[in-house]
Protein backbone atom coordinates (compact mmCIF):
# COMPACT_ATOMS: atom_id res chain seq x y z
CA UNK A 1 -45.89 -13.90 66.36
CA UNK A 2 -49.10 -13.16 64.48
CA UNK A 3 -47.29 -10.66 62.25
CA UNK A 4 -44.53 -13.19 61.50
CA UNK A 5 -47.06 -15.91 60.68
CA UNK A 6 -48.93 -13.53 58.41
CA UNK A 7 -45.71 -12.71 56.57
CA UNK A 8 -45.01 -16.42 56.09
CA UNK A 9 -48.51 -16.96 54.70
CA UNK A 10 -48.09 -14.02 52.35
CA UNK A 11 -44.78 -15.33 50.98
CA UNK A 12 -46.13 -18.83 50.60
CA UNK A 13 -43.64 -20.71 52.80
CA UNK A 14 -41.48 -20.87 55.91
CA UNK A 15 -38.68 -18.46 56.72
CA UNK A 16 -35.18 -19.40 55.46
CA UNK A 17 -32.37 -17.52 57.22
CA UNK A 18 -29.36 -16.68 55.08
CA UNK A 19 -28.62 -13.17 56.43
CA UNK A 20 -29.83 -10.29 58.52
CA UNK A 21 -32.04 -7.66 56.87
CA UNK A 22 -30.55 -4.19 57.13
CA UNK A 23 -27.03 -5.45 57.85
CA UNK A 24 -26.23 -7.35 54.65
CA UNK A 25 -25.26 -11.01 54.38
CA UNK A 26 -23.96 -12.71 57.46
CA UNK A 27 -22.32 -16.06 58.18
CA UNK A 28 -25.08 -18.38 59.43
CA UNK A 29 -22.50 -20.96 60.46
CA UNK A 30 -21.45 -18.74 63.39
CA UNK A 31 -24.54 -19.19 65.59
CA UNK A 32 -24.70 -18.37 69.30
CA UNK A 33 -24.72 -21.17 71.82
CA UNK A 34 -28.03 -22.96 72.50
CA UNK A 35 -30.24 -20.96 74.82
CA UNK A 36 -28.81 -17.59 73.77
CA UNK A 37 -31.10 -14.61 74.15
CA UNK A 38 -32.61 -12.82 71.11
CA UNK A 39 -30.12 -9.98 71.62
CA UNK A 40 -27.18 -12.44 71.56
CA UNK A 41 -28.51 -14.11 68.45
CA UNK A 42 -29.54 -11.07 66.50
CA UNK A 43 -27.57 -8.17 67.97
CA UNK A 44 -29.09 -4.94 69.25
CA UNK A 45 -32.51 -3.94 67.91
CA UNK A 46 -32.39 -2.22 64.53
CA UNK A 47 -36.05 -2.14 63.67
CA UNK A 48 -38.88 -0.02 64.96
CA UNK A 49 -39.07 0.51 68.73
CA UNK A 50 -40.67 -2.44 70.40
CA UNK A 51 -40.12 -4.78 67.44
CA UNK A 52 -39.92 -8.42 68.50
CA UNK A 53 -36.85 -10.59 67.93
CA UNK A 54 -38.78 -12.60 65.31
CA UNK A 55 -39.55 -9.44 63.34
CA UNK A 56 -35.88 -8.37 63.42
CA UNK A 57 -34.18 -11.64 62.54
CA UNK A 58 -36.80 -14.26 61.78
CA UNK A 59 -37.89 -17.25 63.88
CA UNK A 60 -35.60 -19.12 66.30
CA UNK A 61 -33.25 -21.72 64.79
CA UNK A 62 -35.26 -24.61 66.21
CA UNK A 63 -38.61 -23.34 64.94
CA UNK A 64 -40.54 -25.56 62.46
CA UNK A 65 -39.69 -24.88 58.82
CA UNK A 66 -36.40 -23.08 59.47
CA UNK A 67 -33.51 -24.18 57.24
CA UNK A 68 -29.99 -23.46 58.50
CA UNK A 69 -26.79 -23.51 56.49
CA UNK A 70 -24.96 -26.70 57.60
CA UNK A 71 -21.70 -26.45 59.53
CA UNK A 72 -19.78 -28.50 56.96
CA UNK A 73 -20.48 -25.83 54.33
CA UNK A 74 -17.94 -23.57 56.06
CA UNK A 75 -14.36 -23.96 54.78
CA UNK A 76 -11.94 -23.92 57.67
CA UNK A 77 -8.62 -22.14 57.21
CA UNK A 78 -5.58 -24.31 56.59
CA UNK A 79 -1.90 -23.61 57.15
CA UNK A 80 1.43 -24.84 55.78
CA UNK A 81 -0.07 -26.00 52.50
CA UNK A 82 1.41 -26.09 49.01
CA UNK A 83 0.82 -22.66 47.42
CA UNK A 84 -2.03 -22.71 44.96
CA UNK A 85 -0.87 -22.41 41.36
CA UNK A 86 -3.91 -20.65 39.94
CA UNK A 87 -3.07 -17.38 38.19
CA UNK A 88 -4.87 -14.09 38.86
CA UNK A 89 -5.74 -12.16 41.96
CA UNK A 90 -8.64 -12.73 44.30
CA UNK A 91 -11.34 -15.41 44.30
CA UNK A 92 -12.76 -16.64 41.03
CA UNK A 93 -16.40 -15.65 40.57
CA UNK A 94 -18.70 -18.70 40.57
CA UNK A 95 -22.46 -18.58 40.24
CA UNK A 96 -24.22 -20.31 43.09
CA UNK A 97 -26.72 -22.29 41.01
CA UNK A 98 -24.02 -24.37 39.32
CA UNK A 99 -21.13 -24.19 41.76
CA UNK A 100 -20.10 -27.82 41.74
CA UNK A 101 -20.15 -28.15 37.95
CA UNK A 102 -18.10 -25.01 37.49
CA UNK A 103 -15.58 -26.05 40.14
CA UNK A 104 -15.27 -29.50 38.55
CA UNK A 105 -14.59 -27.97 35.14
CA UNK A 106 -12.04 -25.57 36.59
CA UNK A 107 -10.23 -28.37 38.45
CA UNK A 108 -10.13 -30.54 35.33
CA UNK A 109 -8.63 -27.66 33.38
CA UNK A 110 -6.05 -27.12 36.13
CA UNK A 111 -5.14 -30.82 36.02
CA UNK A 112 -4.76 -30.95 32.24
CA UNK A 113 -2.72 -27.75 32.12
CA UNK A 114 -0.47 -28.88 34.96
CA UNK A 115 -1.52 -26.10 37.35
CA UNK A 116 -2.39 -28.81 39.85
CA UNK A 117 0.91 -30.65 40.07
CA UNK A 118 1.16 -34.47 40.20
CA UNK A 119 2.11 -35.71 43.65
CA UNK A 120 1.01 -32.53 45.47
CA UNK A 121 -1.76 -32.49 48.10
CA UNK A 122 -4.50 -29.84 47.99
CA UNK A 123 -7.22 -29.32 50.60
CA UNK A 124 -10.84 -28.52 49.82
CA UNK A 125 -11.00 -25.51 52.20
CA UNK A 126 -7.93 -23.87 50.66
CA UNK A 127 -9.17 -24.44 47.12
CA UNK A 128 -12.57 -23.14 48.19
CA UNK A 129 -10.97 -19.91 49.39
CA UNK A 130 -9.29 -19.54 46.02
CA UNK A 131 -12.57 -19.97 44.16
CA UNK A 132 -14.56 -17.88 46.61
CA UNK A 133 -16.86 -20.75 47.64
CA UNK A 134 -17.23 -23.04 50.63
CA UNK A 135 -15.28 -26.27 50.89
CA UNK A 136 -18.34 -28.41 50.18
CA UNK A 137 -18.60 -28.06 46.35
CA UNK A 138 -14.81 -28.37 46.05
CA UNK A 139 -14.85 -31.55 48.11
CA UNK A 140 -17.69 -32.97 45.97
CA UNK A 141 -15.81 -32.13 42.77
CA UNK A 142 -12.63 -33.72 44.13
CA UNK A 143 -14.57 -36.88 45.01
CA UNK A 144 -15.67 -37.04 41.37
CA UNK A 145 -12.08 -36.61 40.22
CA UNK A 146 -11.09 -39.44 42.55
CA UNK A 147 -13.59 -41.70 40.79
CA UNK A 148 -12.05 -40.65 37.47
CA UNK A 149 -8.60 -41.58 38.75
CA UNK A 150 -7.15 -38.06 38.72
CA UNK A 151 -6.71 -37.63 42.47
CA UNK A 152 -6.65 -39.82 45.55
CA UNK A 153 -7.97 -39.08 49.04
CA UNK A 154 -5.39 -38.34 51.75
CA UNK A 155 -7.17 -38.66 55.12
CA UNK A 156 -7.20 -35.46 57.20
CA UNK A 157 -5.22 -33.58 54.56
CA UNK A 158 -7.10 -33.37 51.29
CA UNK A 159 -6.49 -34.83 47.84
CA UNK A 160 -3.24 -35.80 46.15
CA UNK A 161 -2.94 -35.43 42.37
CA UNK A 162 -2.18 -38.88 41.00
CA UNK A 163 1.22 -39.50 39.47
CA UNK A 164 0.63 -41.09 36.05
CA UNK A 165 3.49 -43.26 34.80
CA UNK A 166 4.48 -43.84 31.15
CA UNK A 167 3.45 -47.49 31.52
CA UNK A 168 -0.05 -46.52 32.63
CA UNK A 169 -0.34 -44.18 29.66
CA UNK A 170 0.71 -46.94 27.27
CA UNK A 171 -1.85 -49.28 28.81
CA UNK A 172 -4.61 -46.69 28.37
CA UNK A 173 -3.63 -46.22 24.71
CA UNK A 174 -3.79 -49.98 24.17
CA UNK A 175 -7.26 -50.26 25.70
CA UNK A 176 -8.52 -47.27 23.71
CA UNK A 177 -7.27 -48.87 20.48
CA UNK A 178 -8.96 -52.18 21.32
CA UNK A 179 -12.26 -50.37 21.77
CA UNK A 180 -12.21 -47.60 19.18
CA UNK A 181 -10.41 -49.05 16.15
CA UNK A 182 -13.12 -51.67 15.37
CA UNK A 183 -15.82 -49.05 15.87
CA UNK A 184 -14.09 -46.56 13.56
CA UNK A 185 -13.71 -49.21 10.87
CA UNK A 186 -17.39 -50.13 11.09
CA UNK A 187 -18.39 -46.48 10.91
CA UNK A 188 -16.18 -46.00 7.84
CA UNK A 189 -18.11 -48.72 6.05
CA UNK A 190 -21.61 -47.58 7.06
CA UNK A 191 -21.74 -43.80 7.60
CA UNK A 192 -22.39 -41.59 4.53
CA UNK A 193 -19.68 -39.13 3.54
CA UNK A 194 -21.99 -36.17 4.18
CA UNK A 195 -22.16 -37.02 7.89
CA UNK A 196 -18.39 -36.73 8.22
CA UNK A 197 -18.48 -33.30 6.64
CA UNK A 198 -20.66 -32.14 9.53
CA UNK A 199 -17.83 -32.86 11.96
CA UNK A 200 -15.36 -30.51 10.24
CA UNK A 201 -16.00 -27.61 12.66
CA UNK A 202 -14.99 -29.84 15.58
CA UNK A 203 -11.77 -30.80 13.85
CA UNK A 204 -11.07 -27.14 13.10
CA UNK A 205 -11.64 -26.25 16.76
CA UNK A 206 -8.87 -28.64 17.82
CA UNK A 207 -6.59 -27.09 15.24
CA UNK A 208 -7.29 -23.57 16.52
CA UNK A 209 -6.58 -24.58 20.13
CA UNK A 210 -3.34 -26.28 19.11
CA UNK A 211 -2.24 -23.25 17.10
CA UNK A 212 -2.67 -21.07 20.20
CA UNK A 213 -0.79 -23.56 22.33
CA UNK A 214 -3.81 -23.82 24.64
CA UNK A 215 -3.35 -27.32 26.02
CA UNK A 216 -6.40 -27.26 28.29
CA UNK A 217 -8.75 -26.15 25.51
CA UNK A 218 -7.13 -28.59 23.10
CA UNK A 219 -7.88 -31.43 25.52
CA UNK A 220 -11.55 -30.39 25.67
CA UNK A 221 -11.98 -30.00 21.90
CA UNK A 222 -10.13 -33.26 21.26
CA UNK A 223 -12.55 -35.16 23.50
CA UNK A 224 -15.50 -33.40 21.88
CA UNK A 225 -14.31 -34.52 18.45
CA UNK A 226 -13.88 -38.14 19.49
CA UNK A 227 -17.25 -38.18 21.25
CA UNK A 228 -18.96 -36.88 18.13
CA UNK A 229 -17.35 -39.55 15.96
CA UNK A 230 -18.15 -42.42 18.34
CA UNK A 231 -21.68 -41.14 18.94
CA UNK A 232 -22.51 -42.18 15.38
CA UNK A 233 -22.27 -45.80 16.58
CA UNK A 234 -25.38 -45.21 18.73
CA UNK A 235 -23.95 -46.98 21.79
CA UNK A 236 -24.15 -44.88 24.95
CA UNK A 237 -22.14 -47.34 27.04
CA UNK A 238 -19.34 -47.31 24.50
CA UNK A 239 -19.38 -43.52 24.51
CA UNK A 240 -19.14 -43.30 28.32
CA UNK A 241 -16.30 -45.84 28.59
CA UNK A 242 -14.31 -44.33 25.72
CA UNK A 243 -14.65 -40.82 27.11
CA UNK A 244 -13.51 -41.94 30.57
CA UNK A 245 -10.42 -43.63 29.10
CA UNK A 246 -9.72 -40.57 26.98
CA UNK A 247 -9.90 -38.23 29.97
CA UNK A 248 -7.65 -40.47 32.07
CA UNK A 249 -5.03 -40.42 29.32
CA UNK A 250 -4.89 -36.62 29.47
CA UNK A 251 -3.87 -36.18 33.11
CA UNK A 252 -0.29 -34.85 33.21
CA UNK A 253 2.70 -37.11 33.68
CA UNK A 254 5.13 -36.29 36.45
CA UNK A 255 8.17 -37.29 34.36
CA UNK A 256 6.91 -36.37 30.90
CA UNK A 257 7.93 -33.14 29.19
CA UNK A 258 5.29 -30.58 28.31
CA UNK A 259 3.98 -31.37 24.81
CA UNK A 260 5.67 -29.17 22.26
CA UNK A 261 3.62 -26.73 20.25
CA UNK A 262 4.50 -28.58 17.02
CA UNK A 263 3.29 -31.86 18.53
CA UNK A 264 -0.11 -30.41 19.34
CA UNK A 265 -0.47 -28.90 15.87
CA UNK A 266 0.46 -32.21 14.20
CA UNK A 267 -1.88 -34.12 16.47
CA UNK A 268 -4.76 -31.76 15.66
CA UNK A 269 -4.12 -32.13 11.93
CA UNK A 270 -4.79 -35.87 12.27
CA UNK A 271 -8.45 -35.11 13.00
CA UNK A 272 -9.01 -33.66 9.53
CA UNK A 273 -7.01 -36.49 7.95
CA UNK A 274 -9.15 -39.02 9.82
CA UNK A 275 -12.36 -37.43 8.51
CA UNK A 276 -10.98 -37.61 4.97
CA UNK A 277 -10.18 -41.31 5.37
CA UNK A 278 -13.56 -42.07 6.93
CA UNK A 279 -15.42 -40.29 4.13
CA UNK A 280 -13.35 -42.15 1.51
CA UNK A 281 -13.86 -45.50 3.34
CA UNK A 282 -10.08 -45.99 3.31
CA UNK A 283 -9.96 -48.60 6.08
CA UNK A 284 -6.15 -49.10 6.31
CA UNK A 285 -5.58 -45.35 6.67
CA UNK A 286 -8.38 -45.08 9.24
CA UNK A 287 -6.83 -47.79 11.40
CA UNK A 288 -3.31 -46.36 11.10
CA UNK A 289 -4.44 -42.84 11.99
CA UNK A 290 -6.46 -43.93 15.00
CA UNK A 291 -3.63 -46.02 16.47
CA UNK A 292 -1.07 -43.29 15.91
CA UNK A 293 -3.38 -40.65 17.32
CA UNK A 294 -3.70 -42.44 20.65
CA UNK A 295 0.05 -42.33 21.23
CA UNK A 296 0.75 -38.91 19.70
CA UNK A 297 1.69 -35.70 21.48
CA UNK A 298 2.86 -37.61 24.58
CA UNK A 299 -0.61 -38.82 25.52
CA UNK A 300 -2.51 -35.62 24.74
CA UNK A 301 -4.48 -37.29 21.93
């Protein structure tokens, strides 16, 4: 005990058990029953003869300062589930310090590209196995997607990808036009031409993604372009609402065909044309381009 306490004082804090020294990482969610002996908890001695159980595997689970991995962090295995559509072999590598953010980005990409199919149900544990992480960050990311309207919770099963109808898409386009057209017209009257020139690289990025036929990357670059334009209005609330509407309009339609390559290229070209009209303060062209852009490429604008 005195040696263990001295080691804690030397390291500046309490022991945190995430694995056994000498045997590599272990699953801390599989603990022995309460009251188990040190040998049952830690296995046979592997240290020096006479070493105490605390020296081999750290303090008991109920000791002050010990942090255990929670049970809900373990993803239970599921059966009879829709096969996962992600390409590639083996789990996707995800760095622990930003697991949830990376999983959220990956799921959004899968939604936009159609890898997660509308109407299908996916469980957090199964998706966690695919990404090589526990079910917890997947579940948290899916809850965020539920707030964004991309999935809905199915009790005791997982999350169903929402089926977006053509009517819903038309309604989103109408709301986006009501919000963004007046802002674009005001910006055309007040923003110097040199500021619009600074947004050319963003417009070119959408064009490059469209030329490759990369729908997921096109969706990201398209939102980045629109955010940069609207950010010039200096209204953070407007920016958040417009970006949420934009993202919702990009979720795949169950009945809609995949946007053709030519549609994406034409849609991307409208970004450069819009910058030209904004710099020239050509208000009728600005309004026409923005309205058309919202309904172009089958909702991928």
